[in-house]
Amino acid sequence: MTEIILSLTAATLCILGLTEVLHTLKQKMLFPKKYPKTRLIVYLDGENADLQLASIAEQYRWSGKGLAGEIVAVYSAISSESLENCRKLAEKHNIIICSEKDLKNLV
């Protein structure tokens, strides 16, 4: 009985590994080498703006260029402490951070 369970577990893991390899090969063959310039604009608001930015930074780190070429974080009406934390996170993760007024100049 133990052998059957171990065999099924190993087979399942092998199938999942094979699908990951096939997905990676498909990505390499179908997608262009040079991506178009893309920006992900994130609006930060409320008390937890720094947590919102940390979450987006983690998604970007996980997805890479598939998510966007760069991230622009736009803030409005957040506390100075949250703004300072957001600036530190933005510097660490190469995220552009600006106010709503400055967003027009960025485009």
PDB file of N, CA and C in Angstrom:
ATOM      1  N   MET A   1       0.815  -1.199   0.000  1.00  0.00           N
ATOM      2  CA  MET A   1       0.000   0.000   0.000  1.00  0.00           C
ATOM      3  C   MET A   1       0.858   1.262   0.000  1.00  0.00           C
ATOM      4  N   THR A   2       1.914   1.230   0.793  1.00  0.00           N
ATOM      5  CA  THR A   2       2.824   2.379   0.854  1.00  0.00           C
ATOM      6  C   THR A   2       3.494   2.618  -0.489  1.00  0.00           C
ATOM      7  N   GLU A   3       3.851   1.537  -1.181  1.00  0.00           N
ATOM      8  CA  GLU A   3       4.495   1.662  -2.487  1.00  0.00           C
ATOM      9  C   GLU A   3       3.560   2.335  -3.487  1.00  0.00           C
ATOM     10  N   ILE A   4       2.290   2.005  -3.443  1.00  0.00           N
ATOM     11  CA  ILE A   4       1.311   2.602  -4.363  1.00  0.00           C
ATOM     12  C   ILE A   4       1.176   4.098  -4.091  1.00  0.00           C
ATOM     13  N   ILE A   5       1.085   4.465  -2.827  1.00  0.00           N
ATOM     14  CA  ILE A   5       0.952   5.885  -2.474  1.00  0.00           C
ATOM     15  C   ILE A   5       2.193   6.662  -2.896  1.00  0.00           C
ATOM     16  N   LEU A   6       3.380   6.108  -2.652  1.00  0.00           N
ATOM     17  CA  LEU A   6       4.609   6.771  -3.063  1.00  0.00           C
ATOM     18  C   LEU A   6       4.710   6.874  -4.579  1.00  0.00           C
ATOM     19  N   SER A   7       4.293   5.824  -5.289  1.00  0.00           N
ATOM     20  CA  SER A   7       4.322   5.844  -6.757  1.00  0.00           C
ATOM     21  C   SER A   7       3.378   6.901  -7.308  1.00  0.00           C
ATOM     22  N   LEU A   8       2.175   6.995  -6.748  1.00  0.00           N
ATOM     23  CA  LEU A   8       1.220   8.008  -7.196  1.00  0.00           C
ATOM     24  C   LEU A   8       1.722   9.428  -6.901  1.00  0.00           C
ATOM     25  N   THR A   9       2.328   9.601  -5.744  1.00  0.00           N
ATOM     26  CA  THR A   9       2.884  10.902  -5.396  1.00  0.00           C
ATOM     27  C   THR A   9       4.013  11.282  -6.350  1.00  0.00           C
ATOM     28  N   ALA A  10       4.909  10.349  -6.622  1.00  0.00           N
ATOM     29  CA  ALA A  10       6.014  10.611  -7.547  1.00  0.00           C
ATOM     30  C   ALA A  10       5.495  10.900  -8.954  1.00  0.00           C
ATOM     31  N   ALA A  11       4.497  10.162  -9.403  1.00  0.00           N
ATOM     32  CA  ALA A  11       3.929  10.386 -10.732  1.00  0.00           C
ATOM     33  C   ALA A  11       3.282  11.768 -10.827  1.00  0.00           C
ATOM     34  N   THR A  12       2.573  12.159  -9.785  1.00  0.00           N
ATOM     35  CA  THR A  12       1.933  13.472  -9.773  1.00  0.00           C
ATOM     36  C   THR A  12       2.973  14.588  -9.839  1.00  0.00           C
ATOM     37  N   LEU A  13       4.031  14.448  -9.048  1.00  0.00           N
ATOM     38  CA  LEU A  13       5.084  15.460  -9.065  1.00  0.00           C
ATOM     39  C   LEU A  13       5.801  15.514 -10.414  1.00  0.00           C
ATOM     40  N   CYS A  14       5.996  14.378 -11.040  1.00  0.00           N
ATOM     41  CA  CYS A  14       6.621  14.346 -12.365  1.00  0.00           C
ATOM     42  C   CYS A  14       5.744  15.031 -13.406  1.00  0.00           C
ATOM     43  N   ILE A  15       4.447  14.787 -13.352  1.00  0.00           N
ATOM     44  CA  ILE A  15       3.527  15.417 -14.300  1.00  0.00           C
ATOM     45  C   ILE A  15       3.510  16.925 -14.112  1.00  0.00           C
ATOM     46  N   LEU A  16       3.488  17.371 -12.855  1.00  0.00           N
ATOM     47  CA  LEU A  16       3.512  18.806 -12.597  1.00  0.00           C
ATOM     48  C   LEU A  16       4.817  19.430 -13.072  1.00  0.00           C
ATOM     49  N   GLY A  17       5.924  18.756 -12.895  1.00  0.00           N
ATOM     50  CA  GLY A  17       7.210  19.249 -13.376  1.00  0.00           C
ATOM     51  C   GLY A  17       7.253  19.331 -14.886  1.00  0.00           C
ATOM     52  N   LEU A  18       6.677  18.333 -15.549  1.00  0.00           N
ATOM     53  CA  LEU A  18       6.636  18.335 -17.005  1.00  0.00           C
ATOM     54  C   LEU A  18       5.800  19.488 -17.526  1.00  0.00           C
ATOM     55  N   THR A  19       4.690  19.784 -16.895  1.00  0.00           N
ATOM     56  CA  THR A  19       3.865  20.905 -17.346  1.00  0.00           C
ATOM     57  C   THR A  19       4.601  22.229 -17.174  1.00  0.00           C
ATOM     58  N   GLU A  20       5.380  22.367 -16.122  1.00  0.00           N
ATOM     59  CA  GLU A  20       6.173  23.590 -15.939  1.00  0.00           C
ATOM     60  C   GLU A  20       7.217  23.744 -17.045  1.00  0.00           C
ATOM     61  N   VAL A  21       7.866  22.659 -17.407  1.00  0.00           N
ATOM     62  CA  VAL A  21       8.863  22.696 -18.475  1.00  0.00           C
ATOM     63  C   VAL A  21       8.197  23.061 -19.800  1.00  0.00           C
ATOM     64  N   LEU A  22       7.054  22.442 -20.090  1.00  0.00           N
ATOM     65  CA  LEU A  22       6.337  22.759 -21.331  1.00  0.00           C
ATOM     66  C   LEU A  22       5.878  24.212 -21.362  1.00  0.00           C
ATOM     67  N   HIS A  23       5.426  24.722 -20.236  1.00  0.00           N
ATOM     68  CA  HIS A  23       5.003  26.121 -20.160  1.00  0.00           C
ATOM     69  C   HIS A  23       6.184  27.062 -20.417  1.00  0.00           C
ATOM     70  N   THR A  24       7.321  26.760 -19.848  1.00  0.00           N
ATOM     71  CA  THR A  24       8.510  27.586 -20.052  1.00  0.00           C
ATOM     72  C   THR A  24       8.944  27.559 -21.509  1.00  0.00           C
ATOM     73  N   LEU A  25       8.924  26.405 -22.132  1.00  0.00           N
ATOM     74  CA  LEU A  25       9.277  26.311 -23.553  1.00  0.00           C
ATOM     75  C   LEU A  25       8.304  27.108 -24.422  1.00  0.00           C
ATOM     76  N   LYS A  26       7.025  27.023 -24.111  1.00  0.00           N
ATOM     77  CA  LYS A  26       6.033  27.785 -24.867  1.00  0.00           C
ATOM     78  C   LYS A  26       6.288  29.285 -24.730  1.00  0.00           C
ATOM     79  N   GLN A  27       6.617  29.724 -23.523  1.00  0.00           N
ATOM     80  CA  GLN A  27       6.900  31.137 -23.291  1.00  0.00           C
ATOM     81  C   GLN A  27       8.091  31.594 -24.124  1.00  0.00           C
ATOM     82  N   LYS A  28       9.127  30.770 -24.184  1.00  0.00           N
ATOM     83  CA  LYS A  28      10.332  31.122 -24.942  1.00  0.00           C
ATOM     84  C   LYS A  28      10.058  31.186 -26.440  1.00  0.00           C
ATOM     85  N   MET A  29       9.203  30.298 -26.948  1.00  0.00           N
ATOM     86  CA  MET A  29       8.966  30.228 -28.383  1.00  0.00           C
ATOM     87  C   MET A  29       7.957  31.262 -28.867  1.00  0.00           C
ATOM     88  N   LEU A  30       6.920  31.537 -28.093  1.00  0.00           N
ATOM     89  CA  LEU A  30       5.831  32.362 -28.585  1.00  0.00           C
ATOM     90  C   LEU A  30       5.969  33.853 -28.299  1.00  0.00           C
ATOM     91  N   PHE A  31       6.666  34.205 -27.257  1.00  0.00           N
ATOM     92  CA  PHE A  31       6.732  35.606 -26.889  1.00  0.00           C
ATOM     93  C   PHE A  31       7.984  36.254 -27.460  1.00  0.00           C
ATOM     94  N   PRO A  32       7.888  37.540 -27.808  1.00  0.00           N
ATOM     95  CA  PRO A  32       9.024  38.217 -28.435  1.00  0.00           C
ATOM     96  C   PRO A  32      10.166  38.447 -27.449  1.00  0.00           C
ATOM     97  N   LYS A  33      11.346  38.635 -27.996  1.00  0.00           N
ATOM     98  CA  LYS A  33      12.513  38.907 -27.155  1.00  0.00           C
ATOM     99  C   LYS A  33      12.423  40.304 -26.546  1.00  0.00           C
ATOM    100  N   LYS A  34      11.897  41.251 -27.323  1.00  0.00           N
ATOM    101  CA  LYS A  34      11.795  42.625 -26.858  1.00  0.00           C
ATOM    102  C   LYS A  34      10.330  42.947 -26.576  1.00  0.00           C
ATOM    103  N   TYR A  35      10.043  43.219 -25.328  1.00  0.00           N
ATOM    104  CA  TYR A  35       8.682  43.550 -24.934  1.00  0.00           C
ATOM    105  C   TYR A  35       8.402  45.022 -25.209  1.00  0.00           C
ATOM    106  N   PRO A  36       7.151  45.375 -25.478  1.00  0.00           N
ATOM    107  CA  PRO A  36       6.820  46.792 -25.616  1.00  0.00           C
ATOM    108  C   PRO A  36       6.934  47.478 -24.254  1.00  0.00           C
ATOM    109  N   LYS A  37       7.122  48.789 -24.282  1.00  0.00           N
ATOM    110  CA  LYS A  37       7.246  49.530 -23.031  1.00  0.00           C
ATOM    111  C   LYS A  37       5.889  49.580 -22.342  1.00  0.00           C
ATOM    112  N   THR A  38       5.826  49.029 -21.144  1.00  0.00           N
ATOM    113  CA  THR A  38       4.582  49.005 -20.380  1.00  0.00           C
ATOM    114  C   THR A  38       4.834  49.549 -18.979  1.00  0.00           C
ATOM    115  N   ARG A  39       3.801  50.163 -18.437  1.00  0.00           N
ATOM    116  CA  ARG A  39       3.855  50.666 -17.069  1.00  0.00           C
ATOM    117  C   ARG A  39       2.616  50.203 -16.327  1.00  0.00           C
ATOM    118  N   LEU A  40       2.824  49.780 -15.123  1.00  0.00           N
ATOM    119  CA  LEU A  40       1.728  49.431 -14.239  1.00  0.00           C
ATOM    120  C   LEU A  40       1.560  50.588 -13.268  1.00  0.00           C
ATOM    121  N   ILE A  41       0.411  51.234 -13.301  1.00  0.00           N
ATOM    122  CA  ILE A  41       0.149  52.368 -12.416  1.00  0.00           C
ATOM    123  C   ILE A  41      -0.682  51.880 -11.246  1.00  0.00           C
ATOM    124  N   VAL A  42      -0.151  52.094 -10.049  1.00  0.00           N
ATOM    125  CA  VAL A  42      -0.783  51.649  -8.818  1.00  0.00           C
ATOM    126  C   VAL A  42      -1.143  52.876  -8.004  1.00  0.00           C
ATOM    127  N   TYR A  43      -2.398  52.973  -7.597  1.00  0.00           N
ATOM    128  CA  TYR A  43      -2.848  54.086  -6.768  1.00  0.00           C
ATOM    129  C   TYR A  43      -2.831  53.651  -5.303  1.00  0.00           C
ATOM    130  N   LEU A  44      -2.025  54.335  -4.515  1.00  0.00           N
ATOM    131  CA  LEU A  44      -1.898  54.021  -3.094  1.00  0.00           C
ATOM    132  C   LEU A  44      -2.794  54.948  -2.300  1.00  0.00           C
ATOM    133  N   ASP A  45      -3.556  54.379  -1.370  1.00  0.00           N
ATOM    134  CA  ASP A  45      -4.412  55.212  -0.540  1.00  0.00           C
ATOM    135  C   ASP A  45      -4.637  54.539   0.801  1.00  0.00           C
ATOM    136  N   GLY A  46      -5.092  55.308   1.748  1.00  0.00           N
ATOM    137  CA  GLY A  46      -5.449  54.755   3.045  1.00  0.00           C
ATOM    138  C   GLY A  46      -4.261  54.588   3.969  1.00  0.00           C
ATOM    139  N   GLU A  47      -4.534  53.950   5.094  1.00  0.00           N
ATOM    140  CA  GLU A  47      -3.533  53.763   6.130  1.00  0.00           C
ATOM    141  C   GLU A  47      -2.453  52.753   5.749  1.00  0.00           C
ATOM    142  N   ASN A  48      -2.786  51.815   4.899  1.00  0.00           N
ATOM    143  CA  ASN A  48      -1.841  50.739   4.585  1.00  0.00           C
ATOM    144  C   ASN A  48      -1.240  50.871   3.187  1.00  0.00           C
ATOM    145  N   ALA A  49      -0.901  52.073   2.789  1.00  0.00           N
ATOM    146  CA  ALA A  49      -0.323  52.296   1.465  1.00  0.00           C
ATOM    147  C   ALA A  49       1.006  51.563   1.309  1.00  0.00           C
ATOM    148  N   ASP A  50       1.794  51.516   2.374  1.00  0.00           N
ATOM    149  CA  ASP A  50       3.076  50.826   2.294  1.00  0.00           C
ATOM    150  C   ASP A  50       2.888  49.316   2.111  1.00  0.00           C
ATOM    151  N   LEU A  51       1.862  48.755   2.717  1.00  0.00           N
ATOM    152  CA  LEU A  51       1.575  47.328   2.522  1.00  0.00           C
ATOM    153  C   LEU A  51       1.083  47.056   1.104  1.00  0.00           C
ATOM    154  N   GLN A  52       0.310  47.988   0.561  1.00  0.00           N
ATOM    155  CA  GLN A  52      -0.148  47.844  -0.820  1.00  0.00           C
ATOM    156  C   GLN A  52       1.050  47.828  -1.767  1.00  0.00           C
ATOM    157  N   LEU A  53       1.979  48.750  -1.545  1.00  0.00           N
ATOM    158  CA  LEU A  53       3.158  48.822  -2.400  1.00  0.00           C
ATOM    159  C   LEU A  53       4.043  47.591  -2.232  1.00  0.00           C
ATOM    160  N   ALA A  54       4.178  47.098  -1.025  1.00  0.00           N
ATOM    161  CA  ALA A  54       4.968  45.887  -0.791  1.00  0.00           C
ATOM    162  C   ALA A  54       4.345  44.689  -1.510  1.00  0.00           C
ATOM    163  N   SER A  55       3.022  44.617  -1.511  1.00  0.00           N
ATOM    164  CA  SER A  55       2.331  43.532  -2.196  1.00  0.00           C
ATOM    165  C   SER A  55       2.573  43.588  -3.703  1.00  0.00           C
ATOM    166  N   ILE A  56       2.478  44.772  -4.270  1.00  0.00           N
ATOM    167  CA  ILE A  56       2.721  44.936  -5.713  1.00  0.00           C
ATOM    168  C   ILE A  56       4.173  44.626  -6.047  1.00  0.00           C
ATOM    169  N   ALA A  57       5.093  45.047  -5.203  1.00  0.00           N
ATOM    170  CA  ALA A  57       6.515  44.755  -5.438  1.00  0.00           C
ATOM    171  C   ALA A  57       6.766  43.257  -5.431  1.00  0.00           C
ATOM    172  N   GLU A  58       6.112  42.546  -4.537  1.00  0.00           N
ATOM    173  CA  GLU A  58       6.266  41.092  -4.477  1.00  0.00           C
ATOM    174  C   GLU A  58       5.673  40.431  -5.722  1.00  0.00           C
ATOM    175  N   GLN A  59       4.518  40.908  -6.182  1.00  0.00           N
ATOM    176  CA  GLN A  59       3.934  40.371  -7.418  1.00  0.00           C
ATOM    177  C   GLN A  59       4.854  40.618  -8.602  1.00  0.00           C
ATOM    178  N   TYR A  60       5.454  41.807  -8.646  1.00  0.00           N
ATOM    179  CA  TYR A  60       6.363  42.139  -9.748  1.00  0.00           C
ATOM    180  C   TYR A  60       7.614  41.267  -9.696  1.00  0.00           C
ATOM    181  N   ARG A  61       8.125  41.043  -8.489  1.00  0.00           N
ATOM    182  CA  ARG A  61       9.301  40.193  -8.343  1.00  0.00           C
ATOM    183  C   ARG A  61       8.985  38.767  -8.796  1.00  0.00           C
ATOM    184  N   TRP A  62       7.787  38.308  -8.519  1.00  0.00           N
ATOM    185  CA  TRP A  62       7.378  36.960  -8.882  1.00  0.00           C
ATOM    186  C   TRP A  62       7.101  36.838 -10.381  1.00  0.00           C
ATOM    187  N   SER A  63       6.413  37.830 -10.960  1.00  0.00           N
ATOM    188  CA  SER A  63       6.012  37.762 -12.365  1.00  0.00           C
ATOM    189  C   SER A  63       7.054  38.319 -13.317  1.00  0.00           C
ATOM    190  N   GLY A  64       7.867  39.247 -12.854  1.00  0.00           N
ATOM    191  CA  GLY A  64       8.902  39.831 -13.703  1.00  0.00           C
ATOM    192  C   GLY A  64       8.324  40.711 -14.790  1.00  0.00           C
ATOM    193  N   LYS A  65       8.969  40.698 -15.936  1.00  0.00           N
ATOM    194  CA  LYS A  65       8.566  41.556 -17.049  1.00  0.00           C
ATOM    195  C   LYS A  65       7.208  41.176 -17.622  1.00  0.00           C
ATOM    196  N   GLY A  66       6.694  40.019 -17.278  1.00  0.00           N
ATOM    197  CA  GLY A  66       5.366  39.629 -17.750  1.00  0.00           C
ATOM    198  C   GLY A  66       4.271  40.500 -17.163  1.00  0.00           C
ATOM    199  N   LEU A  67       4.515  41.061 -15.997  1.00  0.00           N
ATOM    200  CA  LEU A  67       3.528  41.927 -15.361  1.00  0.00           C
ATOM    201  C   LEU A  67       3.572  43.318 -15.957  1.00  0.00           C
ATOM    202  N   ALA A  68       4.741  43.918 -16.013  1.00  0.00           N
ATOM    203  CA  ALA A  68       4.917  45.258 -16.587  1.00  0.00           C
ATOM    204  C   ALA A  68       6.400  45.552 -16.676  1.00  0.00           C
ATOM    205  N   GLY A  69       6.743  46.525 -17.527  1.00  0.00           N
ATOM    206  CA  GLY A  69       8.134  46.933 -17.648  1.00  0.00           C
ATOM    207  C   GLY A  69       8.603  47.687 -16.425  1.00  0.00           C
ATOM    208  N   GLU A  70       7.735  48.537 -15.912  1.00  0.00           N
ATOM    209  CA  GLU A  70       8.044  49.276 -14.695  1.00  0.00           C
ATOM    210  C   GLU A  70       6.756  49.583 -13.953  1.00  0.00           C
ATOM    211  N   ILE A  71       6.900  49.896 -12.678  1.00  0.00           N
ATOM    212  CA  ILE A  71       5.743  50.192 -11.838  1.00  0.00           C
ATOM    213  C   ILE A  71       5.800  51.652 -11.432  1.00  0.00           C
ATOM    214  N   VAL A  72       4.663  52.319 -11.546  1.00  0.00           N
ATOM    215  CA  VAL A  72       4.533  53.697 -11.096  1.00  0.00           C
ATOM    216  C   VAL A  72       3.513  53.707  -9.966  1.00  0.00           C
ATOM    217  N   ALA A  73       3.936  54.125  -8.793  1.00  0.00           N
ATOM    218  CA  ALA A  73       3.051  54.208  -7.635  1.00  0.00           C
ATOM    219  C   ALA A  73       2.627  55.660  -7.459  1.00  0.00           C
ATOM    220  N   VAL A  74       1.318  55.888  -7.434  1.00  0.00           N
ATOM    221  CA  VAL A  74       0.761  57.231  -7.300  1.00  0.00           C
ATOM    222  C   VAL A  74       0.087  57.321  -5.938  1.00  0.00           C
ATOM    223  N   TYR A  75       0.464  58.335  -5.171  1.00  0.00           N
ATOM    224  CA  TYR A  75      -0.096  58.473  -3.828  1.00  0.00           C
ATOM    225  C   TYR A  75      -0.925  59.743  -3.727  1.00  0.00           C
ATOM    226  N   SER A  76      -1.895  59.674  -2.840  1.00  0.00           N
ATOM    227  CA  SER A  76      -2.682  60.857  -2.493  1.00  0.00           C
ATOM    228  C   SER A  76      -3.282  60.627  -1.113  1.00  0.00           C
ATOM    229  N   ALA A  77      -3.243  61.647  -0.304  1.00  0.00           N
ATOM    230  CA  ALA A  77      -3.853  61.633   1.029  1.00  0.00           C
ATOM    231  C   ALA A  77      -3.387  60.457   1.880  1.00  0.00           C
ATOM    232  N   ILE A  78      -2.077  60.256   1.959  1.00  0.00           N
ATOM    233  CA  ILE A  78      -1.544  59.244   2.857  1.00  0.00           C
ATOM    234  C   ILE A  78      -0.679  59.946   3.897  1.00  0.00           C
ATOM    235  N   SER A  79      -0.499  59.320   5.017  1.00  0.00           N
ATOM    236  CA  SER A  79       0.264  59.936   6.111  1.00  0.00           C
ATOM    237  C   SER A  79       1.743  60.034   5.736  1.00  0.00           C
ATOM    238  N   SER A  80       2.438  60.926   6.413  1.00  0.00           N
ATOM    239  CA  SER A  80       3.856  61.122   6.118  1.00  0.00           C
ATOM    240  C   SER A  80       4.678  59.877   6.462  1.00  0.00           C
ATOM    241  N   GLU A  81       4.263  59.142   7.482  1.00  0.00           N
ATOM    242  CA  GLU A  81       4.964  57.915   7.841  1.00  0.00           C
ATOM    243  C   GLU A  81       4.806  56.858   6.745  1.00  0.00           C
ATOM    244  N   SER A  82       3.579  56.703   6.231  1.00  0.00           N
ATOM    245  CA  SER A  82       3.344  55.752   5.136  1.00  0.00           C
ATOM    246  C   SER A  82       4.091  56.180   3.883  1.00  0.00           C
ATOM    247  N   LEU A  83       4.119  57.485   3.634  1.00  0.00           N
ATOM    248  CA  LEU A  83       4.824  57.997   2.456  1.00  0.00           C
ATOM    249  C   LEU A  83       6.314  57.705   2.555  1.00  0.00           C
ATOM    250  N   GLU A  84       6.891  57.880   3.723  1.00  0.00           N
ATOM    251  CA  GLU A  84       8.317  57.601   3.908  1.00  0.00           C
ATOM    252  C   GLU A  84       8.599  56.107   3.712  1.00  0.00           C
ATOM    253  N   ASN A  85       7.731  55.250   4.252  1.00  0.00           N
ATOM    254  CA  ASN A  85       7.891  53.804   4.046  1.00  0.00           C
ATOM    255  C   ASN A  85       7.758  53.440   2.571  1.00  0.00           C
ATOM    256  N   CYS A  86       6.815  54.090   1.883  1.00  0.00           N
ATOM    257  CA  CYS A  86       6.630  53.835   0.447  1.00  0.00           C
ATOM    258  C   CYS A  86       7.853  54.267  -0.345  1.00  0.00           C
ATOM    259  N   ARG A  87       8.433  55.389   0.030  1.00  0.00           N
ATOM    260  CA  ARG A  87       9.641  55.858  -0.669  1.00  0.00           C
ATOM    261  C   ARG A  87      10.801  54.874  -0.487  1.00  0.00           C
ATOM    262  N   LYS A  88      10.947  54.336   0.700  1.00  0.00           N
ATOM    263  CA  LYS A  88      12.001  53.345   0.950  1.00  0.00           C
ATOM    264  C   LYS A  88      11.773  52.084   0.126  1.00  0.00           C
ATOM    265  N   LEU A  89      10.515  51.610   0.099  1.00  0.00           N
ATOM    266  CA  LEU A  89      10.192  50.426  -0.702  1.00  0.00           C
ATOM    267  C   LEU A  89      10.407  50.689  -2.194  1.00  0.00           C
ATOM    268  N   ALA A  90      10.013  51.870  -2.632  1.00  0.00           N
ATOM    269  CA  ALA A  90      10.159  52.212  -4.046  1.00  0.00           C
ATOM    270  C   ALA A  90      11.631  52.244  -4.442  1.00  0.00           C
ATOM    271  N   GLU A  91      12.457  52.786  -3.584  1.00  0.00           N
ATOM    272  CA  GLU A  91      13.890  52.833  -3.872  1.00  0.00           C
ATOM    273  C   GLU A  91      14.482  51.425  -3.912  1.00  0.00           C
ATOM    274  N   LYS A  92      14.051  50.591  -2.995  1.00  0.00           N
ATOM    275  CA  LYS A  92      14.571  49.218  -2.912  1.00  0.00           C
ATOM    276  C   LYS A  92      14.192  48.388  -4.137  1.00  0.00           C
ATOM    277  N   HIS A  93      12.966  48.599  -4.656  1.00  0.00           N
ATOM    278  CA  HIS A  93      12.458  47.759  -5.749  1.00  0.00           C
ATOM    279  C   HIS A  93      12.418  48.474  -7.098  1.00  0.00           C
ATOM    280  N   ASN A  94      13.079  49.607  -7.217  1.00  0.00           N
ATOM    281  CA  ASN A  94      13.119  50.381  -8.473  1.00  0.00           C
ATOM    282  C   ASN A  94      11.719  50.720  -8.979  1.00  0.00           C
ATOM    283  N   ILE A  95      10.903  51.236  -8.102  1.00  0.00           N
ATOM    284  CA  ILE A  95       9.544  51.654  -8.434  1.00  0.00           C
ATOM    285  C   ILE A  95       9.515  53.172  -8.468  1.00  0.00           C
ATOM    286  N   ILE A  96       8.860  53.724  -9.469  1.00  0.00           N
ATOM    287  CA  ILE A  96       8.705  55.173  -9.559  1.00  0.00           C
ATOM    288  C   ILE A  96       7.537  55.570  -8.670  1.00  0.00           C
ATOM    289  N   ILE A  97       7.739  56.544  -7.796  1.00  0.00           N
ATOM    290  CA  ILE A  97       6.676  56.993  -6.909  1.00  0.00           C
ATOM    291  C   ILE A  97       6.473  58.483  -7.124  1.00  0.00           C
ATOM    292  N   CYS A  98       5.199  58.879  -7.251  1.00  0.00           N
ATOM    293  CA  CYS A  98       4.897  60.287  -7.490  1.00  0.00           C
ATOM    294  C   CYS A  98       3.492  60.607  -6.977  1.00  0.00           C
ATOM    295  N   SER A  99       3.220  61.884  -6.856  1.00  0.00           N
ATOM    296  CA  SER A  99       1.886  62.314  -6.449  1.00  0.00           C
ATOM    297  C   SER A  99       0.978  62.352  -7.674  1.00  0.00           C
ATOM    298  N   GLU A 100      -0.304  62.537  -7.450  1.00  0.00           N
ATOM    299  CA  GLU A 100      -1.252  62.606  -8.572  1.00  0.00           C
ATOM    300  C   GLU A 100      -0.932  63.772  -9.493  1.00  0.00           C
ATOM    301  N   LYS A 101      -0.487  64.881  -8.931  1.00  0.00           N
ATOM    302  CA  LYS A 101      -0.151  66.057  -9.747  1.00  0.00           C
ATOM    303  C   LYS A 101       1.039  65.780 -10.646  1.00  0.00           C
ATOM    304  N   ASP A 102       2.009  65.035 -10.142  1.00  0.00           N
ATOM    305  CA  ASP A 102       3.216  64.746 -10.926  1.00  0.00           C
ATOM    306  C   ASP A 102       3.010  63.665 -11.969  1.00  0.00           C
ATOM    307  N   LEU A 103       1.931  62.926 -11.874  1.00  0.00           N
ATOM    308  CA  LEU A 103       1.668  61.846 -12.825  1.00  0.00           C
ATOM    309  C   LEU A 103       1.510  62.374 -14.244  1.00  0.00           C
ATOM    310  N   LYS A 104       0.898  63.533 -14.392  1.00  0.00           N
ATOM    311  CA  LYS A 104       0.716  64.118 -15.734  1.00  0.00           C
ATOM    312  C   LYS A 104       2.051  64.432 -16.374  1.00  0.00           C
ATOM    313  N   ASN A 105       3.039  64.840 -15.596  1.00  0.00           N
ATOM    314  CA  ASN A 105       4.358  65.148 -16.137  1.00  0.00           C
ATOM    315  C   ASN A 105       5.121  63.877 -16.513  1.00  0.00           C
ATOM    316  N   LEU A 106       4.797  62.787 -15.881  1.00  0.00           N
ATOM    317  CA  LEU A 106       5.491  61.523 -16.124  1.00  0.00           C
ATOM    318  C   LEU A 106       5.112  60.935 -17.464  1.00  0.00           C
ATOM    319  N   VAL A 107       3.873  61.107 -17.867  1.00  0.00           N
ATOM    320  CA  VAL A 107       3.397  60.527 -19.118  1.00  0.00           C
ATOM    321  C   VAL A 107       3.941  61.326 -20.236  1.00  0.00           C
TER     322      VAL A 107
END
